[in-house]
């Protein structure tokens, strides 16, 4: 939407194709904004707990997960609704549906069983990314991704598979809301790629709070039972299979380069689904640009906006 609004401000006739119900993409709808709203609630709970050390004691919080979820959804709705207003003000035509390239200057947009053709002089691909799925897991609603975690259907225990930023954000929220949280991370330390001095501070804090943190450990399988999800582990010091109420899979994100059929327009898409772009964000086809998660790391909304 940032690219669409800027192009409209510069006088171009702009159409914005969106497959979701609301504008804003992952960040606004199921990413940074709702997770930061919930992290704020977690911070308030933990601040109240920490005051006991200084002689101010509050009773344990009563968690109304449905009301908390409604508040989080309200934050998202206000911001996405604002984008719809800005699009109208800028005379950006919003087209609902999923776009697929059919030629260098034409897309097909499908929604609800119907398709329409959309032609263009120039195009910006901003198709983003989606949560990576691990192969071989059972089809069970208790196995969730980060989007499912935002629904706040709180179990007694949660295993977070992936000790990166997304997994640990939701671990922080669920821990504050009274869930017994465990984390398993394949690499030797949490938050791979982040400054180790900063990570050590985090590890010290959450080691006291979480049920278990397993680094250098691989999840080898999940068996769905009526009692819960029985998870097996491998690695030095790996425990015996453990039972959890839910498992959050947060092992990274996969670009949507192949979802838009960019090859039909002559655009190069690499084997992982990324679309290479130059410093001006041009693809190998000069009138087609690509921005955001679909062009590669860092897969962050503020990088895409910039």
C-alpha atoms as a PDB file:
ATOM      1  CA  UNK A   1       0.000   0.000   0.000  1.00  0.00           C
ATOM      2  CA  UNK A   2       2.950   2.351   0.599  1.00  0.00           C
ATOM      3  CA  UNK A   3       4.046   1.979  -3.029  1.00  0.00           C
ATOM      4  CA  UNK A   4       0.481   2.421  -4.289  1.00  0.00           C
ATOM      5  CA  UNK A   5      -0.062   5.596  -2.268  1.00  0.00           C
ATOM      6  CA  UNK A   6       3.265   7.090  -3.332  1.00  0.00           C
ATOM      7  CA  UNK A   7       2.611   6.305  -6.994  1.00  0.00           C
ATOM      8  CA  UNK A   8      -0.817   7.930  -6.741  1.00  0.00           C
ATOM      9  CA  UNK A   9       0.721  11.029  -5.101  1.00  0.00           C
ATOM     10  CA  UNK A  10       3.067  11.268  -8.108  1.00  0.00           C
ATOM     11  CA  UNK A  11       0.098  11.330 -10.488  1.00  0.00           C
ATOM     12  CA  UNK A  12      -0.077   7.762 -11.744  1.00  0.00           C
ATOM     13  CA  UNK A  13      -3.310   5.846 -12.213  1.00  0.00           C
ATOM     14  CA  UNK A  14      -2.968   3.093  -9.614  1.00  0.00           C
ATOM     15  CA  UNK A  15      -4.702  -0.214  -8.936  1.00  0.00           C
ATOM     16  CA  UNK A  16      -3.912  -2.154  -5.769  1.00  0.00           C
ATOM     17  CA  UNK A  17      -4.700  -5.884  -5.863  1.00  0.00           C
ATOM     18  CA  UNK A  18      -5.210  -7.496  -2.441  1.00  0.00           C
ATOM     19  CA  UNK A  19      -6.170 -11.105  -1.759  1.00  0.00           C
ATOM     20  CA  UNK A  20      -6.935 -10.515   1.923  1.00  0.00           C
ATOM     21  CA  UNK A  21     -10.131  -9.082   3.354  1.00  0.00           C
ATOM     22  CA  UNK A  22      -8.328  -5.918   4.474  1.00  0.00           C
ATOM     23  CA  UNK A  23      -5.346  -3.874   3.347  1.00  0.00           C
ATOM     24  CA  UNK A  24      -2.103  -3.821   5.305  1.00  0.00           C
ATOM     25  CA  UNK A  25      -0.542  -7.194   4.565  1.00  0.00           C
ATOM     26  CA  UNK A  26       0.982  -9.528   7.124  1.00  0.00           C
ATOM     27  CA  UNK A  27       2.462  -6.782   9.325  1.00  0.00           C
ATOM     28  CA  UNK A  28      -0.756  -4.938   9.987  1.00  0.00           C
ATOM     29  CA  UNK A  29      -3.171  -7.875  10.049  1.00  0.00           C
ATOM     30  CA  UNK A  30      -1.325 -10.858  11.535  1.00  0.00           C
ATOM     31  CA  UNK A  31       2.219  -9.665  12.223  1.00  0.00           C
ATOM     32  CA  UNK A  32       3.900  -6.736  13.930  1.00  0.00           C
ATOM     33  CA  UNK A  33       0.818  -4.752  14.944  1.00  0.00           C
ATOM     34  CA  UNK A  34      -1.263  -7.441  16.704  1.00  0.00           C
ATOM     35  CA  UNK A  35       1.832  -9.056  18.244  1.00  0.00           C
ATOM     36  CA  UNK A  36       3.035  -5.721  19.649  1.00  0.00           C
ATOM     37  CA  UNK A  37      -0.426  -5.045  21.041  1.00  0.00           C
ATOM     38  CA  UNK A  38      -0.313  -8.374  22.881  1.00  0.00           C
ATOM     39  CA  UNK A  39       3.282  -7.747  23.985  1.00  0.00           C
ATOM     40  CA  UNK A  40       2.058  -4.522  25.583  1.00  0.00           C
ATOM     41  CA  UNK A  41      -0.491  -6.518  27.598  1.00  0.00           C
ATOM     42  CA  UNK A  42       2.248  -8.990  28.570  1.00  0.00           C
ATOM     43  CA  UNK A  43       4.499  -6.130  29.691  1.00  0.00           C
ATOM     44  CA  UNK A  44       1.779  -4.677  31.931  1.00  0.00           C
ATOM     45  CA  UNK A  45       1.248  -8.076  33.594  1.00  0.00           C
ATOM     46  CA  UNK A  46       4.974  -8.615  34.131  1.00  0.00           C
ATOM     47  CA  UNK A  47       5.501  -5.059  35.413  1.00  0.00           C
ATOM     48  CA  UNK A  48       2.769  -5.639  37.996  1.00  0.00           C
ATOM     49  CA  UNK A  49       4.434  -8.905  39.063  1.00  0.00           C
ATOM     50  CA  UNK A  50       7.847  -7.268  39.385  1.00  0.00           C
ATOM     51  CA  UNK A  51       6.539  -4.609  41.787  1.00  0.00           C
ATOM     52  CA  UNK A  52       6.245  -7.271  44.515  1.00  0.00           C
ATOM     53  CA  UNK A  53      10.011  -6.980  44.939  1.00  0.00           C
ATOM     54  CA  UNK A  54       9.499  -3.360  45.995  1.00  0.00           C
ATOM     55  CA  UNK A  55       6.624  -3.997  48.383  1.00  0.00           C
ATOM     56  CA  UNK A  56       3.667  -3.433  46.046  1.00  0.00           C
ATOM     57  CA  UNK A  57       1.703  -6.635  45.503  1.00  0.00           C
ATOM     58  CA  UNK A  58      -1.146  -7.116  43.066  1.00  0.00           C
ATOM     59  CA  UNK A  59      -3.365 -10.191  42.967  1.00  0.00           C
ATOM     60  CA  UNK A  60      -2.892 -12.665  40.115  1.00  0.00           C
ATOM     61  CA  UNK A  61      -4.502 -11.268  36.930  1.00  0.00           C
ATOM     62  CA  UNK A  62      -7.805 -12.631  35.688  1.00  0.00           C
ATOM     63  CA  UNK A  63      -7.242 -13.371  32.014  1.00  0.00           C
ATOM     64  CA  UNK A  64     -10.229 -12.936  29.689  1.00  0.00           C
ATOM     65  CA  UNK A  65      -8.594 -14.189  26.509  1.00  0.00           C
ATOM     66  CA  UNK A  66     -11.615 -13.472  24.298  1.00  0.00           C
ATOM     67  CA  UNK A  67     -11.823  -9.861  25.444  1.00  0.00           C
ATOM     68  CA  UNK A  68      -8.056  -9.440  25.007  1.00  0.00           C
ATOM     69  CA  UNK A  69      -8.328 -10.860  21.491  1.00  0.00           C
ATOM     70  CA  UNK A  70     -11.201  -8.469  20.689  1.00  0.00           C
ATOM     71  CA  UNK A  71      -9.100  -5.526  21.871  1.00  0.00           C
ATOM     72  CA  UNK A  72      -6.191  -6.668  19.685  1.00  0.00           C
ATOM     73  CA  UNK A  73      -8.553  -7.076  16.723  1.00  0.00           C
ATOM     74  CA  UNK A  74      -9.888  -3.580  17.345  1.00  0.00           C
ATOM     75  CA  UNK A  75      -6.384  -2.119  17.138  1.00  0.00           C
ATOM     76  CA  UNK A  76      -5.884  -3.871  13.794  1.00  0.00           C
ATOM     77  CA  UNK A  77      -9.316  -2.832  12.483  1.00  0.00           C
ATOM     78  CA  UNK A  78      -8.695   0.856  13.209  1.00  0.00           C
ATOM     79  CA  UNK A  79      -5.436   0.829  11.254  1.00  0.00           C
ATOM     80  CA  UNK A  80      -6.656  -1.242   8.302  1.00  0.00           C
ATOM     81  CA  UNK A  81      -9.807   0.888   8.103  1.00  0.00           C
ATOM     82  CA  UNK A  82      -7.593   3.959   7.949  1.00  0.00           C
ATOM     83  CA  UNK A  83      -5.786   2.495   4.937  1.00  0.00           C
ATOM     84  CA  UNK A  84      -9.079   1.984   3.098  1.00  0.00           C
ATOM     85  CA  UNK A  85      -9.870   5.667   3.670  1.00  0.00           C
ATOM     86  CA  UNK A  86      -6.425   6.763   2.446  1.00  0.00           C
ATOM     87  CA  UNK A  87      -6.824   4.609  -0.679  1.00  0.00           C
ATOM     88  CA  UNK A  88     -10.148   6.296  -1.487  1.00  0.00           C
ATOM     89  CA  UNK A  89      -8.712   9.753  -0.879  1.00  0.00           C
ATOM     90  CA  UNK A  90      -5.870   9.045  -3.294  1.00  0.00           C
ATOM     91  CA  UNK A  91      -8.229   7.484  -5.871  1.00  0.00           C
ATOM     92  CA  UNK A  92      -6.359   4.186  -5.719  1.00  0.00           C
ATOM     93  CA  UNK A  93      -8.566   1.442  -7.208  1.00  0.00           C
ATOM     94  CA  UNK A  94      -8.590  -1.517  -4.796  1.00  0.00           C
ATOM     95  CA  UNK A  95      -9.228  -4.844  -6.549  1.00  0.00           C
ATOM     96  CA  UNK A  96     -10.001  -7.864  -4.358  1.00  0.00           C
ATOM     97  CA  UNK A  97      -8.651 -11.234  -5.342  1.00  0.00           C
ATOM     98  CA  UNK A  98      -5.496 -13.199  -6.078  1.00  0.00           C
ATOM     99  CA  UNK A  99      -3.396 -12.000  -9.002  1.00  0.00           C
ATOM    100  CA  UNK A 100      -1.465 -14.224 -11.414  1.00  0.00           C
ATOM    101  CA  UNK A 101       0.622 -12.943 -14.317  1.00  0.00           C
ATOM    102  CA  UNK A 102      -0.404 -14.164 -17.764  1.00  0.00           C
ATOM    103  CA  UNK A 103       1.837 -11.889 -19.855  1.00  0.00           C
ATOM    104  CA  UNK A 104       4.381  -9.096 -19.496  1.00  0.00           C
ATOM    105  CA  UNK A 105       1.626  -6.460 -19.206  1.00  0.00           C
ATOM    106  CA  UNK A 106      -1.385  -8.436 -17.991  1.00  0.00           C
ATOM    107  CA  UNK A 107      -2.666 -10.169 -14.865  1.00  0.00           C
ATOM    108  CA  UNK A 108      -5.647 -12.379 -14.151  1.00  0.00           C
ATOM    109  CA  UNK A 109      -7.334 -11.660 -10.822  1.00  0.00           C
ATOM    110  CA  UNK A 110      -9.507 -14.407  -9.365  1.00  0.00           C
ATOM    111  CA  UNK A 111     -12.037 -14.149  -6.563  1.00  0.00           C
ATOM    112  CA  UNK A 112     -14.995 -16.331  -5.667  1.00  0.00           C
ATOM    113  CA  UNK A 113     -14.798 -18.415  -8.816  1.00  0.00           C
ATOM    114  CA  UNK A 114     -14.692 -15.425 -11.178  1.00  0.00           C
ATOM    115  CA  UNK A 115     -11.668 -13.918 -12.931  1.00  0.00           C
ATOM    116  CA  UNK A 116     -10.960 -10.573 -14.542  1.00  0.00           C
ATOM    117  CA  UNK A 117      -8.098  -9.298 -16.650  1.00  0.00           C
ATOM    118  CA  UNK A 118      -6.037  -6.324 -15.432  1.00  0.00           C
ATOM    119  CA  UNK A 119      -3.497  -4.701 -17.746  1.00  0.00           C
ATOM    120  CA  UNK A 120      -0.717  -2.337 -16.680  1.00  0.00           C
ATOM    121  CA  UNK A 121       2.187  -0.246 -17.947  1.00  0.00           C
ATOM    122  CA  UNK A 122       4.281  -0.832 -14.821  1.00  0.00           C
ATOM    123  CA  UNK A 123       3.860  -3.231 -11.941  1.00  0.00           C
ATOM    124  CA  UNK A 124       5.211  -3.574  -8.403  1.00  0.00           C
ATOM    125  CA  UNK A 125       5.217  -7.113  -6.988  1.00  0.00           C
ATOM    126  CA  UNK A 126       4.748  -6.911  -3.205  1.00  0.00           C
ATOM    127  CA  UNK A 127       3.364 -10.395  -2.603  1.00  0.00           C
ATOM    128  CA  UNK A 128       5.140 -10.897   0.717  1.00  0.00           C
ATOM    129  CA  UNK A 129       5.696 -14.211   2.453  1.00  0.00           C
ATOM    130  CA  UNK A 130       3.905 -16.853   4.483  1.00  0.00           C
ATOM    131  CA  UNK A 131       4.773 -19.039   7.457  1.00  0.00           C
ATOM    132  CA  UNK A 132       7.004 -21.996   6.623  1.00  0.00           C
ATOM    133  CA  UNK A 133       5.328 -25.353   7.104  1.00  0.00           C
ATOM    134  CA  UNK A 134       7.281 -28.354   8.316  1.00  0.00           C
ATOM    135  CA  UNK A 135       6.632 -31.516   6.285  1.00  0.00           C
ATOM    136  CA  UNK A 136       5.256 -34.667   7.842  1.00  0.00           C
ATOM    137  CA  UNK A 137       3.248 -33.100  10.676  1.00  0.00           C
ATOM    138  CA  UNK A 138      -0.262 -34.404  11.404  1.00  0.00           C
ATOM    139  CA  UNK A 139      -3.252 -32.350  10.294  1.00  0.00           C
ATOM    140  CA  UNK A 140      -4.371 -31.213  13.734  1.00  0.00           C
ATOM    141  CA  UNK A 141      -5.836 -27.824  14.786  1.00  0.00           C
ATOM    142  CA  UNK A 142      -3.624 -27.871  17.886  1.00  0.00           C
ATOM    143  CA  UNK A 143      -0.572 -27.392  15.611  1.00  0.00           C
ATOM    144  CA  UNK A 144      -0.601 -23.664  14.829  1.00  0.00           C
ATOM    145  CA  UNK A 145       1.469 -20.992  13.106  1.00  0.00           C
ATOM    146  CA  UNK A 146       1.966 -17.395  14.221  1.00  0.00           C
ATOM    147  CA  UNK A 147      -1.410 -16.378  12.754  1.00  0.00           C
ATOM    148  CA  UNK A 148      -3.174 -19.085  14.726  1.00  0.00           C
ATOM    149  CA  UNK A 149      -1.316 -18.082  17.873  1.00  0.00           C
ATOM    150  CA  UNK A 150      -2.858 -14.598  17.659  1.00  0.00           C
ATOM    151  CA  UNK A 151      -6.311 -16.135  18.230  1.00  0.00           C
ATOM    152  CA  UNK A 152      -5.356 -16.656  21.913  1.00  0.00           C
ATOM    153  CA  UNK A 153      -7.042 -20.022  22.390  1.00  0.00           C
ATOM    154  CA  UNK A 154      -4.897 -20.654  25.453  1.00  0.00           C
ATOM    155  CA  UNK A 155      -3.743 -24.208  26.261  1.00  0.00           C
ATOM    156  CA  UNK A 156      -2.240 -25.330  29.562  1.00  0.00           C
ATOM    157  CA  UNK A 157       1.100 -25.927  27.825  1.00  0.00           C
ATOM    158  CA  UNK A 158       2.674 -24.704  24.587  1.00  0.00           C
ATOM    159  CA  UNK A 159       5.755 -25.861  22.699  1.00  0.00           C
ATOM    160  CA  UNK A 160       7.291 -23.232  20.421  1.00  0.00           C
ATOM    161  CA  UNK A 161       9.266 -24.832  17.589  1.00  0.00           C
ATOM    162  CA  UNK A 162      11.808 -22.207  16.549  1.00  0.00           C
ATOM    163  CA  UNK A 163      13.612 -19.881  18.929  1.00  0.00           C
ATOM    164  CA  UNK A 164      13.663 -16.903  16.579  1.00  0.00           C
ATOM    165  CA  UNK A 165      12.001 -13.522  16.972  1.00  0.00           C
ATOM    166  CA  UNK A 166       8.492 -14.570  15.894  1.00  0.00           C
ATOM    167  CA  UNK A 167       8.428 -17.650  18.108  1.00  0.00           C
ATOM    168  CA  UNK A 168       9.792 -15.844  21.145  1.00  0.00           C
ATOM    169  CA  UNK A 169       7.341 -12.949  20.736  1.00  0.00           C
ATOM    170  CA  UNK A 170       4.413 -15.332  21.028  1.00  0.00           C
ATOM    171  CA  UNK A 171       6.193 -17.294  23.791  1.00  0.00           C
ATOM    172  CA  UNK A 172       6.432 -14.021  25.755  1.00  0.00           C
ATOM    173  CA  UNK A 173       2.706 -13.379  25.347  1.00  0.00           C
ATOM    174  CA  UNK A 174       1.580 -16.901  26.237  1.00  0.00           C
ATOM    175  CA  UNK A 175       3.911 -17.053  29.247  1.00  0.00           C
ATOM    176  CA  UNK A 176       2.507 -13.799  30.620  1.00  0.00           C
ATOM    177  CA  UNK A 177      -1.028 -15.134  30.139  1.00  0.00           C
ATOM    178  CA  UNK A 178      -0.296 -18.140  32.347  1.00  0.00           C
ATOM    179  CA  UNK A 179       0.597 -20.844  29.816  1.00  0.00           C
ATOM    180  CA  UNK A 180       3.521 -23.210  30.554  1.00  0.00           C
ATOM    181  CA  UNK A 181       5.850 -22.447  27.622  1.00  0.00           C
ATOM    182  CA  UNK A 182       8.688 -24.579  26.248  1.00  0.00           C
ATOM    183  CA  UNK A 183      10.960 -23.656  23.328  1.00  0.00           C
ATOM    184  CA  UNK A 184      12.981 -25.914  21.023  1.00  0.00           C
ATOM    185  CA  UNK A 185      15.617 -24.425  18.693  1.00  0.00           C
ATOM    186  CA  UNK A 186      17.774 -26.375  16.238  1.00  0.00           C
ATOM    187  CA  UNK A 187      20.812 -24.065  16.425  1.00  0.00           C
ATOM    188  CA  UNK A 188      23.069 -23.781  19.518  1.00  0.00           C
ATOM    189  CA  UNK A 189      21.434 -20.526  20.704  1.00  0.00           C
ATOM    190  CA  UNK A 190      18.197 -18.575  20.623  1.00  0.00           C
ATOM    191  CA  UNK A 191      17.544 -15.853  18.025  1.00  0.00           C
ATOM    192  CA  UNK A 192      20.204 -16.895  15.490  1.00  0.00           C
ATOM    193  CA  UNK A 193      21.869 -13.918  13.828  1.00  0.00           C
ATOM    194  CA  UNK A 194      21.180 -11.512  16.693  1.00  0.00           C
ATOM    195  CA  UNK A 195      23.821  -9.936  18.929  1.00  0.00           C
ATOM    196  CA  UNK A 196      24.843 -12.577  21.499  1.00  0.00           C
ATOM    197  CA  UNK A 197      25.276  -9.986  24.271  1.00  0.00           C
ATOM    198  CA  UNK A 198      21.628  -9.002  23.882  1.00  0.00           C
ATOM    199  CA  UNK A 199      20.433 -12.594  23.559  1.00  0.00           C
ATOM    200  CA  UNK A 200      22.152 -13.544  26.833  1.00  0.00           C
ATOM    201  CA  UNK A 201      20.052 -10.979  28.695  1.00  0.00           C
ATOM    202  CA  UNK A 202      16.892 -12.457  27.189  1.00  0.00           C
ATOM    203  CA  UNK A 203      17.979 -16.049  27.908  1.00  0.00           C
ATOM    204  CA  UNK A 204      18.644 -15.235  31.553  1.00  0.00           C
ATOM    205  CA  UNK A 205      15.172 -13.759  31.912  1.00  0.00           C
ATOM    206  CA  UNK A 206      13.153 -16.450  30.149  1.00  0.00           C
ATOM    207  CA  UNK A 207      15.095 -19.396  31.614  1.00  0.00           C
ATOM    208  CA  UNK A 208      13.561 -18.456  34.966  1.00  0.00           C
ATOM    209  CA  UNK A 209      10.067 -18.256  33.519  1.00  0.00           C
ATOM    210  CA  UNK A 210       9.701 -20.968  30.876  1.00  0.00           C
ATOM    211  CA  UNK A 211       9.158 -24.647  31.580  1.00  0.00           C
ATOM    212  CA  UNK A 212      12.024 -25.696  29.310  1.00  0.00           C
ATOM    213  CA  UNK A 213      14.378 -24.220  26.688  1.00  0.00           C
ATOM    214  CA  UNK A 214      16.025 -26.762  24.399  1.00  0.00           C
ATOM    215  CA  UNK A 215      18.770 -25.424  22.122  1.00  0.00           C
ATOM    216  CA  UNK A 216      20.800 -27.569  19.736  1.00  0.00           C
ATOM    217  CA  UNK A 217      17.742 -29.838  19.640  1.00  0.00           C
ATOM    218  CA  UNK A 218      15.574 -30.987  16.760  1.00  0.00           C
ATOM    219  CA  UNK A 219      11.883 -31.835  16.884  1.00  0.00           C
ATOM    220  CA  UNK A 220      11.617 -35.174  15.106  1.00  0.00           C
ATOM    221  CA  UNK A 221       7.887 -35.755  15.089  1.00  0.00           C
ATOM    222  CA  UNK A 222       4.471 -35.078  16.575  1.00  0.00           C
ATOM    223  CA  UNK A 223       1.847 -37.685  17.418  1.00  0.00           C
ATOM    224  CA  UNK A 224      -1.673 -36.371  17.960  1.00  0.00           C
ATOM    225  CA  UNK A 225      -3.487 -38.040  20.881  1.00  0.00           C
ATOM    226  CA  UNK A 226      -6.650 -37.248  22.803  1.00  0.00           C
ATOM    227  CA  UNK A 227      -4.512 -36.150  25.776  1.00  0.00           C
ATOM    228  CA  UNK A 228      -2.447 -33.744  23.683  1.00  0.00           C
ATOM    229  CA  UNK A 229       0.400 -33.582  21.172  1.00  0.00           C
ATOM    230  CA  UNK A 230       3.237 -35.998  21.956  1.00  0.00           C
ATOM    231  CA  UNK A 231       6.464 -34.488  20.593  1.00  0.00           C
ATOM    232  CA  UNK A 232       9.721 -36.371  20.051  1.00  0.00           C
ATOM    233  CA  UNK A 233      13.147 -34.711  20.135  1.00  0.00           C
ATOM    234  CA  UNK A 234      16.693 -35.516  19.014  1.00  0.00           C
ATOM    235  CA  UNK A 235      20.032 -34.027  19.971  1.00  0.00           C
ATOM    236  CA  UNK A 236      22.518 -34.013  22.812  1.00  0.00           C
ATOM    237  CA  UNK A 237      20.555 -33.836  26.038  1.00  0.00           C
ATOM    238  CA  UNK A 238      17.198 -34.187  24.245  1.00  0.00           C
ATOM    239  CA  UNK A 239      14.408 -35.300  26.602  1.00  0.00           C
ATOM    240  CA  UNK A 240      12.037 -38.215  26.166  1.00  0.00           C
ATOM    241  CA  UNK A 241       8.840 -37.459  24.180  1.00  0.00           C
ATOM    242  CA  UNK A 242       6.805 -34.748  25.910  1.00  0.00           C
ATOM    243  CA  UNK A 243       3.073 -33.962  25.895  1.00  0.00           C
ATOM    244  CA  UNK A 244       1.844 -30.438  25.027  1.00  0.00           C
ATOM    245  CA  UNK A 245      -1.562 -28.828  24.655  1.00  0.00           C
ATOM    246  CA  UNK A 246      -0.498 -26.966  21.507  1.00  0.00           C
ATOM    247  CA  UNK A 247       2.554 -26.656  19.275  1.00  0.00           C
ATOM    248  CA  UNK A 248       3.443 -23.362  17.605  1.00  0.00           C
ATOM    249  CA  UNK A 249       5.601 -23.855  14.510  1.00  0.00           C
ATOM    250  CA  UNK A 250       7.669 -20.690  13.986  1.00  0.00           C
ATOM    251  CA  UNK A 251      10.642 -21.791  11.900  1.00  0.00           C
ATOM    252  CA  UNK A 252      10.679 -18.865   9.488  1.00  0.00           C
ATOM    253  CA  UNK A 253       8.844 -17.527   6.471  1.00  0.00           C
ATOM    254  CA  UNK A 254       8.742 -18.474   2.804  1.00  0.00           C
ATOM    255  CA  UNK A 255       8.479 -15.883  -0.022  1.00  0.00           C
ATOM    256  CA  UNK A 256       5.405 -15.870  -2.263  1.00  0.00           C
ATOM    257  CA  UNK A 257       7.328 -15.346  -5.514  1.00  0.00           C
ATOM    258  CA  UNK A 258       5.878 -18.463  -7.116  1.00  0.00           C
ATOM    259  CA  UNK A 259       2.286 -17.708  -6.071  1.00  0.00           C
ATOM    260  CA  UNK A 260       1.938 -14.838  -8.552  1.00  0.00           C
ATOM    261  CA  UNK A 261       3.179 -16.700 -11.629  1.00  0.00           C
ATOM    262  CA  UNK A 262       5.798 -14.034 -12.330  1.00  0.00           C
ATOM    263  CA  UNK A 263       7.609 -16.346 -14.762  1.00  0.00           C
ATOM    264  CA  UNK A 264       4.744 -15.816 -17.241  1.00  0.00           C
ATOM    265  CA  UNK A 265       5.831 -12.163 -17.445  1.00  0.00           C
ATOM    266  CA  UNK A 266       9.474 -13.166 -17.937  1.00  0.00           C
ATOM    267  CA  UNK A 267      10.428 -12.324 -14.342  1.00  0.00           C
ATOM    268  CA  UNK A 268      13.164 -14.467 -12.818  1.00  0.00           C
ATOM    269  CA  UNK A 269      12.146 -16.312  -9.646  1.00  0.00           C
ATOM    270  CA  UNK A 270      14.866 -18.280  -7.866  1.00  0.00           C
ATOM    271  CA  UNK A 271      14.564 -21.827  -6.545  1.00  0.00           C
ATOM    272  CA  UNK A 272      13.471 -20.626  -3.086  1.00  0.00           C
ATOM    273  CA  UNK A 273      10.715 -18.356  -4.448  1.00  0.00           C
ATOM    274  CA  UNK A 274      12.564 -15.033  -4.090  1.00  0.00           C
ATOM    275  CA  UNK A 275      12.460 -12.471  -6.921  1.00  0.00           C
ATOM    276  CA  UNK A 276      15.869 -10.765  -7.349  1.00  0.00           C
ATOM    277  CA  UNK A 277      15.790  -6.965  -7.730  1.00  0.00           C
ATOM    278  CA  UNK A 278      18.429  -4.265  -8.209  1.00  0.00           C
ATOM    279  CA  UNK A 279      19.016  -1.093  -6.151  1.00  0.00           C
ATOM    280  CA  UNK A 280      15.995   0.540  -7.830  1.00  0.00           C
ATOM    281  CA  UNK A 281      13.954  -2.579  -7.042  1.00  0.00           C
ATOM    282  CA  UNK A 282      13.679  -3.479 -10.740  1.00  0.00           C
ATOM    283  CA  UNK A 283      13.431  -7.148 -11.639  1.00  0.00           C
ATOM    284  CA  UNK A 284      15.088  -8.468 -14.796  1.00  0.00           C
ATOM    285  CA  UNK A 285      12.008  -7.140 -16.640  1.00  0.00           C
ATOM    286  CA  UNK A 286      12.514  -3.326 -16.629  1.00  0.00           C
ATOM    287  CA  UNK A 287       8.847  -2.321 -16.155  1.00  0.00           C
ATOM    288  CA  UNK A 288       8.220  -4.808 -13.308  1.00  0.00           C
ATOM    289  CA  UNK A 289       9.539  -4.048  -9.808  1.00  0.00           C
ATOM    290  CA  UNK A 290       9.596  -6.150  -6.637  1.00  0.00           C
ATOM    291  CA  UNK A 291       9.741  -5.040  -2.992  1.00  0.00           C
ATOM    292  CA  UNK A 292       9.478  -6.434   0.513  1.00  0.00           C
ATOM    293  CA  UNK A 293       9.734 -10.003   1.744  1.00  0.00           C
ATOM    294  CA  UNK A 294       9.541 -11.393  -1.792  1.00  0.00           C
ATOM    295  CA  UNK A 295      12.975  -9.932  -2.685  1.00  0.00           C
ATOM    296  CA  UNK A 296      14.798 -11.355   0.335  1.00  0.00           C
ATOM    297  CA  UNK A 297      16.274 -10.519   3.707  1.00  0.00           C
ATOM    298  CA  UNK A 298      15.714  -8.750   5.927  1.00  0.00           C
ATOM    299  CA  UNK A 299      12.047  -9.820   5.745  1.00  0.00           C
ATOM    300  CA  UNK A 300      10.781  -6.815   7.708  1.00  0.00           C
ATOM    301  CA  UNK A 301       7.859  -4.502   6.966  1.00  0.00           C
ATOM    302  CA  UNK A 302       9.823  -1.292   7.564  1.00  0.00           C
ATOM    303  CA  UNK A 303      12.449  -2.451   5.071  1.00  0.00           C
ATOM    304  CA  UNK A 304       9.671  -3.047   2.530  1.00  0.00           C
ATOM    305  CA  UNK A 305       8.199   0.392   3.200  1.00  0.00           C
ATOM    306  CA  UNK A 306      11.606   2.050   2.772  1.00  0.00           C
END
